[in-house]
Protein backbone atom coordinates (compact mmCIF):
# COMPACT_ATOMS: atom_id res chain seq x y z
CA MET A 1 0.00 0.00 0.00
CA THR A 2 1.32 3.44 -0.92
CA ASP A 3 0.48 6.31 1.40
CA ARG A 4 1.47 9.93 1.77
CA MET A 5 3.69 11.09 4.62
CA THR A 6 3.73 14.82 5.39
CA THR A 7 7.17 16.03 6.50
CA PRO A 8 8.31 19.57 7.33
CA SER A 9 9.99 19.86 3.91
CA ALA A 10 7.75 17.86 1.59
CA GLU A 11 4.92 15.41 1.18
CA LEU A 12 6.24 11.98 0.28
CA THR A 13 4.62 8.94 -1.30
CA LEU A 14 5.95 5.85 0.48
CA ALA A 15 5.41 2.10 0.50
CA ARG A 16 6.87 -1.01 2.05
CA PHE A 17 8.61 -3.61 -0.07
CA PRO A 18 7.43 -5.66 -1.77
CA GLU A 19 4.45 -3.41 -2.39
CA ASP A 20 1.12 -5.12 -1.71
CA SER A 21 -2.22 -3.35 -2.20
CA ARG A 22 -3.70 -5.56 0.55
CA ASP A 23 -1.09 -4.49 3.10
CA GLN A 24 -2.57 -1.84 5.38
CA LEU A 25 0.70 -1.16 7.23
CA ARG A 26 2.45 2.14 6.50
CA ALA A 27 6.10 2.57 5.57
CA TRP A 28 6.71 4.90 8.54
CA ASP A 29 5.48 5.54 12.06
CA ALA A 30 5.26 8.34 14.60
CA SER A 31 8.92 7.96 15.60
CA ASP A 32 10.02 8.83 12.05
CA GLU A 33 7.72 11.86 12.05
CA TYR A 34 8.97 12.98 15.48
CA LEU A 35 12.62 12.85 14.41
CA LEU A 36 12.03 14.74 11.16
CA LYS A 37 10.01 17.40 12.98
CA HIS A 38 12.76 17.81 15.58
CA LEU A 39 15.43 18.16 12.91
CA ALA A 40 13.36 20.82 11.11
CA ASP A 41 12.53 22.76 14.31
CA GLY A 42 15.90 22.44 16.04
CA ASP A 43 19.27 24.09 15.60
CA HIS A 44 21.05 20.99 14.29
CA ALA A 45 22.83 21.62 11.02
CA LEU A 46 22.71 18.53 8.85
CA ASP A 47 26.16 19.19 7.48
CA GLY A 48 28.94 16.76 6.71
CA THR A 49 28.32 13.03 6.66
CA VAL A 50 24.77 12.16 7.73
CA VAL A 51 24.35 8.49 8.66
CA VAL A 52 20.93 6.86 9.08
CA VAL A 53 20.97 3.51 10.90
CA GLY A 54 18.01 1.14 11.12
CA ASP A 55 15.62 2.98 8.78
CA ARG A 56 12.68 0.56 8.51
CA TRP A 57 11.40 1.19 4.97
CA GLY A 58 13.50 4.13 3.80
CA ALA A 59 11.21 6.88 5.06
CA LEU A 60 13.98 8.76 6.90
CA THR A 61 16.50 8.30 4.11
CA THR A 62 14.01 9.50 1.49
CA ALA A 63 12.94 12.50 3.58
CA LEU A 64 16.59 13.53 4.13
CA ARG A 65 17.75 12.85 0.56
CA ALA A 66 18.79 16.50 0.05
CA HIS A 67 21.54 15.93 2.66
CA ARG A 68 22.92 12.93 0.74
CA PRO A 69 22.71 10.53 3.72
CA VAL A 70 24.41 7.19 4.18
CA GLN A 71 21.90 4.48 5.06
CA ILE A 72 23.09 1.41 7.00
CA THR A 73 20.65 -1.49 7.19
CA ASP A 74 20.59 -5.21 7.89
CA SER A 75 17.56 -5.69 5.65
CA PHE A 76 17.48 -6.44 1.93
CA LEU A 77 13.81 -5.41 1.94
CA THR A 78 14.70 -2.05 3.48
CA ARG A 79 17.28 -1.42 0.74
CA GLU A 80 14.76 -2.25 -1.98
CA ALA A 81 12.06 -0.17 -0.28
CA THR A 82 14.48 2.76 -0.07
CA ARG A 83 15.37 2.50 -3.75
CA ALA A 84 11.69 2.32 -4.71
CA ASN A 85 10.69 5.20 -2.44
CA LEU A 86 13.49 7.42 -3.76
CA ALA A 87 12.33 6.75 -7.31
CA ARG A 88 8.67 7.22 -6.32
CA ASN A 89 9.53 10.71 -5.08
CA GLY A 90 11.69 11.72 -8.04
CA ALA A 91 15.00 11.50 -6.19
CA ASP A 92 18.30 10.69 -7.82
CA GLN A 93 19.45 7.22 -6.71
CA ASP A 94 22.95 8.65 -6.33
CA SER A 95 21.70 11.10 -3.71
CA VAL A 96 22.10 8.44 -1.01
CA ARG A 97 24.71 5.82 -0.24
CA LEU A 98 23.27 2.43 0.69
CA LEU A 99 25.40 0.26 2.97
CA THR A 100 24.63 -2.98 4.78
CA THR A 101 25.59 -3.96 8.31
CA GLN A 102 28.30 -6.14 6.77
CA ASP A 103 29.96 -3.30 4.84
CA PRO A 104 32.93 -1.43 6.33
CA PRO A 105 31.59 1.58 8.29
CA VAL A 106 32.21 5.15 7.18
CA ASP A 107 35.36 6.94 8.34
CA ARG A 108 33.61 9.99 9.79
CA VAL A 109 30.09 10.62 11.11
CA ASP A 110 28.89 14.19 11.62
CA VAL A 111 25.21 13.39 12.16
CA LEU A 112 24.13 9.96 13.42
CA LEU A 113 20.39 9.20 13.30
CA VAL A 114 19.36 5.85 14.76
CA ARG A 115 15.96 4.22 14.36
CA VAL A 116 16.11 1.92 17.40
CA PRO A 117 15.89 -1.71 16.23
CA LYS A 118 13.97 -4.50 17.90
CA SER A 119 17.27 -6.24 18.64
CA LEU A 120 19.41 -4.68 21.37
CA ALA A 121 22.31 -6.81 20.16
CA LEU A 122 22.12 -5.31 16.67
CA LEU A 123 22.09 -1.81 18.17
CA GLU A 124 25.13 -2.66 20.29
CA ASP A 125 27.04 -4.02 17.29
CA GLN A 126 26.26 -1.01 15.09
CA LEU A 127 27.09 1.59 17.74
CA LEU A 128 30.41 -0.14 18.46
CA ARG A 129 31.23 -0.28 14.74
CA LEU A 130 30.39 3.41 14.21
CA ALA A 131 31.76 4.84 17.47
CA PRO A 132 35.34 5.33 16.15
CA ALA A 133 33.93 7.60 13.42
CA VAL A 134 31.96 9.74 15.89
CA HIS A 135 33.67 12.92 17.13
CA GLU A 136 32.96 15.53 19.79
CA GLY A 137 30.81 17.61 17.46
CA THR A 138 28.72 14.71 16.09
CA VAL A 139 24.97 15.12 16.49
CA VAL A 140 23.57 11.80 17.75
CA ILE A 141 19.80 11.31 17.90
CA GLY A 142 17.86 8.10 18.25
CA THR A 143 14.16 7.59 17.71
CA GLY A 144 11.63 4.87 18.42
CA MET A 145 8.24 4.13 19.81
CA VAL A 146 8.00 4.31 23.60
CA LYS A 147 7.52 0.53 23.83
CA GLU A 148 10.80 0.02 21.92
CA ILE A 149 13.00 2.24 24.11
CA HIS A 150 14.02 0.72 27.42
CA THR A 151 16.51 1.56 30.15
CA SER A 152 18.87 -0.96 28.55
CA THR A 153 18.64 0.97 25.27
CA LEU A 154 19.69 4.22 26.92
CA LYS A 155 22.49 2.53 28.87
CA LEU A 156 23.85 1.16 25.60
CA PHE A 157 24.07 4.62 24.03
CA GLU A 158 25.67 5.97 27.21
CA ARG A 159 28.21 3.13 27.49
CA ILE A 160 29.32 3.34 23.85
CA ILE A 161 28.82 6.99 22.79
CA GLY A 162 28.35 9.24 25.82
CA PRO A 163 25.83 10.95 28.17
CA THR A 164 22.27 10.19 27.10
CA ARG A 165 18.81 11.61 27.80
CA THR A 166 15.36 11.25 26.29
CA SER A 167 12.65 13.60 25.11
CA LEU A 168 9.06 13.76 26.24
CA ALA A 169 6.81 11.29 24.47
CA GLU A 170 4.82 12.47 21.45
CA LYS A 171 2.24 10.22 19.77
CA LYS A 172 3.78 7.31 21.72
CA ALA A 173 7.20 8.06 20.22
CA ARG A 174 10.34 9.27 21.92
CA LEU A 175 13.71 10.72 20.93
CA ILE A 176 17.11 9.86 22.39
CA PHE A 177 19.78 12.57 22.64
CA CYS A 178 23.35 11.45 23.10
CA THR A 179 26.41 13.69 23.59
CA PRO A 180 29.60 12.04 22.28
CA ASN A 181 32.41 11.62 24.78
CA PRO A 182 35.65 11.12 22.79
CA GLY A 183 37.45 9.92 25.93
CA ILE A 184 35.05 7.12 26.73
CA THR A 185 36.49 3.64 27.23
CA ARG A 186 34.40 1.33 25.10
CA PRO A 187 34.10 -2.43 25.47
CA ALA A 188 35.31 -4.71 22.70
CA ASN A 189 32.65 -5.76 20.23
CA PRO A 190 31.41 -9.18 21.48
CA TRP A 191 29.87 -10.16 18.14
CA PRO A 192 29.64 -12.68 16.60
CA HIS A 193 28.76 -15.23 19.29
CA SER A 194 29.31 -18.97 19.01
CA TYR A 195 27.79 -21.82 20.99
CA THR A 196 27.60 -25.61 20.92
CA LEU A 197 24.36 -27.34 19.98
CA PRO A 198 22.83 -29.90 22.36
CA ASP A 199 22.64 -33.64 21.76
CA GLY A 200 19.55 -35.41 20.46
CA ILE A 201 18.88 -33.19 17.44
CA GLY A 202 20.21 -35.32 14.61
CA PRO A 203 23.36 -34.65 12.53
CA ALA A 204 23.80 -31.18 14.06
CA SER A 205 24.16 -32.55 17.60
CA GLY A 206 27.22 -31.12 19.34
CA ARG A 207 28.04 -28.87 16.39
CA THR A 208 28.97 -25.18 16.48
CA VAL A 209 26.57 -22.34 15.66
CA VAL A 210 27.78 -18.82 14.79
CA ASN A 211 25.44 -15.87 15.34
CA HIS A 212 26.10 -12.31 14.27
CA ALA A 213 24.28 -9.56 16.15
CA GLY A 214 20.55 -9.36 15.60
CA VAL A 215 20.10 -12.93 14.37
CA PHE A 216 17.40 -14.92 16.16
CA CYS A 217 18.51 -16.89 19.24
CA ALA A 218 22.09 -15.73 19.56
CA GLU A 219 22.78 -17.48 22.87
CA ARG A 220 21.13 -20.90 22.53
CA LEU A 221 19.05 -23.03 20.18
CA ASP A 222 15.41 -22.00 20.22
CA ILE A 223 12.81 -24.66 20.96
CA GLY A 224 11.08 -24.38 17.58
CA THR A 225 14.26 -25.01 15.60
CA ARG A 226 15.21 -27.79 18.01
CA PHE A 227 11.89 -29.50 17.32
CA PHE A 228 12.38 -29.03 13.56
CA LEU A 229 15.89 -30.52 13.68
CA GLN A 230 14.51 -33.61 15.41
CA HIS A 231 12.06 -34.28 12.55
CA LEU A 232 13.79 -33.22 9.31
CA PRO A 233 13.75 -35.67 6.34
CA TYR A 234 17.32 -36.84 6.82
CA GLU A 235 16.62 -40.12 5.01
CA GLY A 236 15.37 -38.45 1.82
CA GLY A 237 17.24 -38.15 -1.46
CA ALA A 238 16.90 -34.44 -2.22
CA GLU A 239 19.63 -33.20 -4.55
CA ARG A 240 18.96 -29.48 -4.15
CA VAL A 241 17.87 -28.19 -0.73
CA VAL A 242 16.86 -24.65 0.27
CA ASP A 243 17.06 -23.34 3.84
CA LEU A 244 14.52 -20.54 3.40
CA GLY A 245 14.76 -17.79 6.01
CA CYS A 246 17.95 -19.51 7.11
CA GLY A 247 18.86 -17.39 10.14
CA ASN A 248 22.11 -18.80 11.49
CA GLY A 249 21.94 -21.67 8.99
CA VAL A 250 21.69 -24.55 11.46
CA VAL A 251 18.84 -26.26 9.58
CA GLY A 252 20.55 -26.18 6.18
CA THR A 253 23.84 -27.21 7.76
CA ALA A 254 22.18 -30.21 9.43
CA MET A 255 20.80 -31.34 6.06
CA ALA A 256 24.20 -30.85 4.41
CA LEU A 257 25.80 -33.02 7.09
CA ALA A 258 23.18 -35.72 6.48
CA HIS A 259 23.49 -35.51 2.67
CA PRO A 260 26.98 -34.19 1.85
CA ARG A 261 26.52 -34.48 -1.93
CA ALA A 262 23.33 -32.40 -2.01
CA GLU A 263 23.49 -28.75 -3.06
CA THR A 264 22.33 -26.40 -0.31
CA LEU A 265 21.05 -22.86 -0.81
CA PHE A 266 20.82 -20.60 2.27
CA LEU A 267 18.41 -17.67 1.81
CA ASP A 268 17.49 -14.79 4.11
CA GLU A 269 16.64 -11.11 3.81
CA SER A 270 19.06 -10.29 6.65
CA TYR A 271 22.72 -9.67 5.82
CA GLN A 272 23.64 -10.61 9.39
CA ALA A 273 21.76 -13.90 9.04
CA VAL A 274 23.36 -14.97 5.76
CA THR A 275 26.81 -14.13 7.11
CA SER A 276 25.99 -16.23 10.20
CA ALA A 277 24.76 -19.12 8.06
CA GLU A 278 27.94 -19.11 6.03
CA ALA A 279 30.07 -19.10 9.18
CA THR A 280 28.00 -21.91 10.72
CA TYR A 281 28.27 -24.03 7.58
CA TRP A 282 32.04 -23.68 7.25
CA ALA A 283 32.54 -24.27 10.99
CA ASN A 284 30.98 -27.71 10.58
CA THR A 285 32.33 -28.93 7.24
CA ASP A 286 35.87 -29.99 6.41
CA ASP A 287 38.03 -31.13 3.52
CA THR A 288 37.77 -34.81 4.43
CA VAL A 289 34.23 -34.99 3.01
CA GLU A 290 33.20 -34.08 -0.52
CA TYR A 291 30.26 -31.70 -0.07
CA GLY A 292 27.90 -30.45 -2.74
CA LYS A 293 27.77 -26.78 -3.64
CA ALA A 294 26.74 -24.42 -0.83
CA GLU A 295 25.36 -21.02 -1.80
CA PHE A 296 24.56 -18.11 0.53
CA ARG A 297 22.21 -15.46 -0.81
CA VAL A 298 20.52 -12.34 0.58
CA GLY A 299 17.18 -11.61 -1.04
CA ASP A 300 13.39 -11.57 -0.87
CA GLY A 301 12.46 -15.18 -0.26
CA LEU A 302 12.88 -17.37 -3.33
CA GLU A 303 12.92 -14.51 -5.84
CA GLY A 304 15.59 -15.29 -8.44
CA VAL A 305 15.45 -19.04 -7.85
CA PRO A 306 14.33 -20.68 -11.13
CA ASP A 307 10.94 -22.39 -11.38
CA ALA A 308 10.90 -26.14 -10.68
CA SER A 309 14.59 -26.21 -9.74
CA VAL A 310 14.71 -27.52 -6.15
CA ASP A 311 13.72 -30.75 -4.40
CA LEU A 312 13.27 -29.66 -0.80
CA VAL A 313 12.49 -26.34 0.92
CA LEU A 314 12.89 -26.10 4.71
CA ASN A 315 11.19 -23.14 6.36
CA ASN A 316 10.59 -21.66 9.80
CA PRO A 317 8.71 -18.52 8.69
CA PRO A 318 8.68 -15.36 10.81
CA PHE A 319 5.27 -14.07 11.85
CA HIS A 320 6.39 -10.56 12.79
CA SER A 321 7.35 -7.65 10.56
CA HIS A 322 9.23 -5.42 12.99
CA GLN A 323 6.62 -4.86 15.73
CA ALA A 324 3.59 -5.85 13.64
CA THR A 325 2.18 -9.39 13.57
CA SER A 326 1.67 -10.48 9.98
CA ASP A 327 1.41 -13.67 7.91
CA ALA A 328 2.38 -11.87 4.69
CA THR A 329 6.00 -13.09 4.83
CA ALA A 330 4.96 -16.71 5.43
CA TRP A 331 2.50 -16.55 2.54
CA ARG A 332 5.18 -15.18 0.17
CA MET A 333 7.59 -17.91 1.31
CA PHE A 334 5.03 -20.68 0.75
CA THR A 335 4.04 -19.29 -2.65
CA GLY A 336 7.69 -18.98 -3.68
CA ALA A 337 8.37 -22.54 -2.54
CA ARG A 338 5.50 -23.92 -4.63
CA ARG A 339 6.90 -22.16 -7.70
CA ALA A 340 10.52 -23.20 -7.12
CA LEU A 341 9.86 -26.85 -6.28
CA ARG A 342 10.05 -29.57 -8.90
CA PRO A 343 7.01 -31.87 -9.27
CA GLY A 344 7.26 -34.23 -6.32
CA GLY A 345 9.34 -31.70 -4.39
CA GLU A 346 8.47 -30.99 -0.77
CA LEU A 347 8.08 -28.00 1.52
CA TRP A 348 8.68 -28.72 5.21
CA VAL A 349 7.52 -26.07 7.68
CA VAL A 350 7.74 -25.67 11.42
CA GLY A 351 5.53 -23.20 13.24
CA ASN A 352 3.46 -22.49 16.31
CA ARG A 353 0.30 -24.59 16.37
CA HIS A 354 -2.00 -21.56 16.55
CA LEU A 355 -0.74 -20.04 13.29
CA GLY A 356 -2.72 -22.51 11.18
CA TYR A 357 -0.14 -22.95 8.44
CA HIS A 358 -1.82 -26.22 7.37
CA VAL A 359 -4.72 -24.19 5.97
CA LYS A 360 -2.41 -22.09 3.78
CA LEU A 361 -0.49 -25.14 2.60
CA ARG A 362 -3.66 -26.97 1.61
CA ARG A 363 -4.85 -23.93 -0.30
CA LEU A 364 -1.55 -23.66 -2.20
CA PHE A 365 -0.48 -27.28 -2.61
CA GLY A 366 -3.77 -29.12 -2.28
CA ASN A 367 -2.28 -31.15 0.56
CA SER A 368 -0.67 -30.83 3.98
CA GLN A 369 0.58 -33.67 6.17
CA LEU A 370 1.29 -33.39 9.89
CA VAL A 371 4.77 -34.86 10.42
CA ALA A 372 5.13 -34.18 14.15
CA SER A 373 3.59 -32.07 16.89
CA ASP A 374 3.94 -31.20 20.54
CA ALA A 375 2.12 -28.82 22.86
CA LYS A 376 3.46 -25.75 21.03
CA PHE A 377 4.79 -26.63 17.57
CA VAL A 378 3.88 -28.56 14.44
CA VAL A 379 6.05 -29.79 11.58
CA LEU A 380 4.12 -29.88 8.30
CA ARG A 381 4.92 -31.35 4.88
CA ALA A 382 3.40 -30.28 1.58
CA VAL A 383 4.15 -31.93 -1.77
CA LYS A 384 4.05 -30.29 -5.18
CA GLU A 385 2.06 -32.98 -6.94
CA SER A 386 2.45 -31.89 -10.57
CA ALA A 387 3.91 -29.18 -12.77
CA GLU A 388 0.49 -27.49 -12.88
CA SER A 389 -0.52 -27.82 -9.24
């Protein structure tokens, strides 16, 4: 859905990515509006290098395009939304510089604008990476909804950048003001984290997992993935396997360990996740075994994967888009899997029982089999029965 956002300098037409006329969620919120209003009303000169971290759908970057900002994001969808929103509003694509969380940070930051992410770990990692480029005169302002800004958030800014305070709330949004302290002693960046998987989960038992900041379950294996690992089709003969929404890559790695000659494709829209998956895979494979091709790709689901080209898709779909609960991502993943699977190919899904994924799978595939269940989770299997189905 496209919608119009009124800013102090212009009225912008904005949309999320991929654009969906049925999606009623906007590409910005009150925290974006609050920050832009403050910048327009205040005495902050947006001179020098302006860096925007954590922009959700490119609203801040598009609104500040005249200042040629640098956007840093972990999200492929955010990058594509930003490109589309710049074009939608007649902006030159070269007016902004788009970086990912895996790119080297800029050398100097004169204005640092931070849309507080859901993940405190990702915020920690990004502040530590950017802190050396911050100087005494850098303007540092964070923004977020009140429910997203906690005492731990403020302590993180204070520990890494300098003295921190907050604004009054406005439309349930709040600003964070941080004064850089060049003499501060910062901790070393603790990311990425590694941990050892438990026993009893198949080929991945006792193996190493690598998590970069912001990737789901950085400290231990989550119970949903654990349940999935216990019921994967390890005895099957799939030649090309996709770990869709791979996160740290433990599911795809487990399948690669079970079937070394199979090709494995790790897909996620998070740059941190795909980097984690690659590290997890290489931490658990060695030169003594001849493994099939492993590919690690950042993108929007299965876009770019040829039709009828894979045998098995493994998926633990997210049911949140930032703070909003939504099944749109799961639906796109299931639809993409149906297209990419060969006839006879299978989609295996794990999810909370209450999400009702079996209904969606039956609608798309014409079938859905319950493989396993417990009090909280189900593992489902859907088969692409023919080229036309």
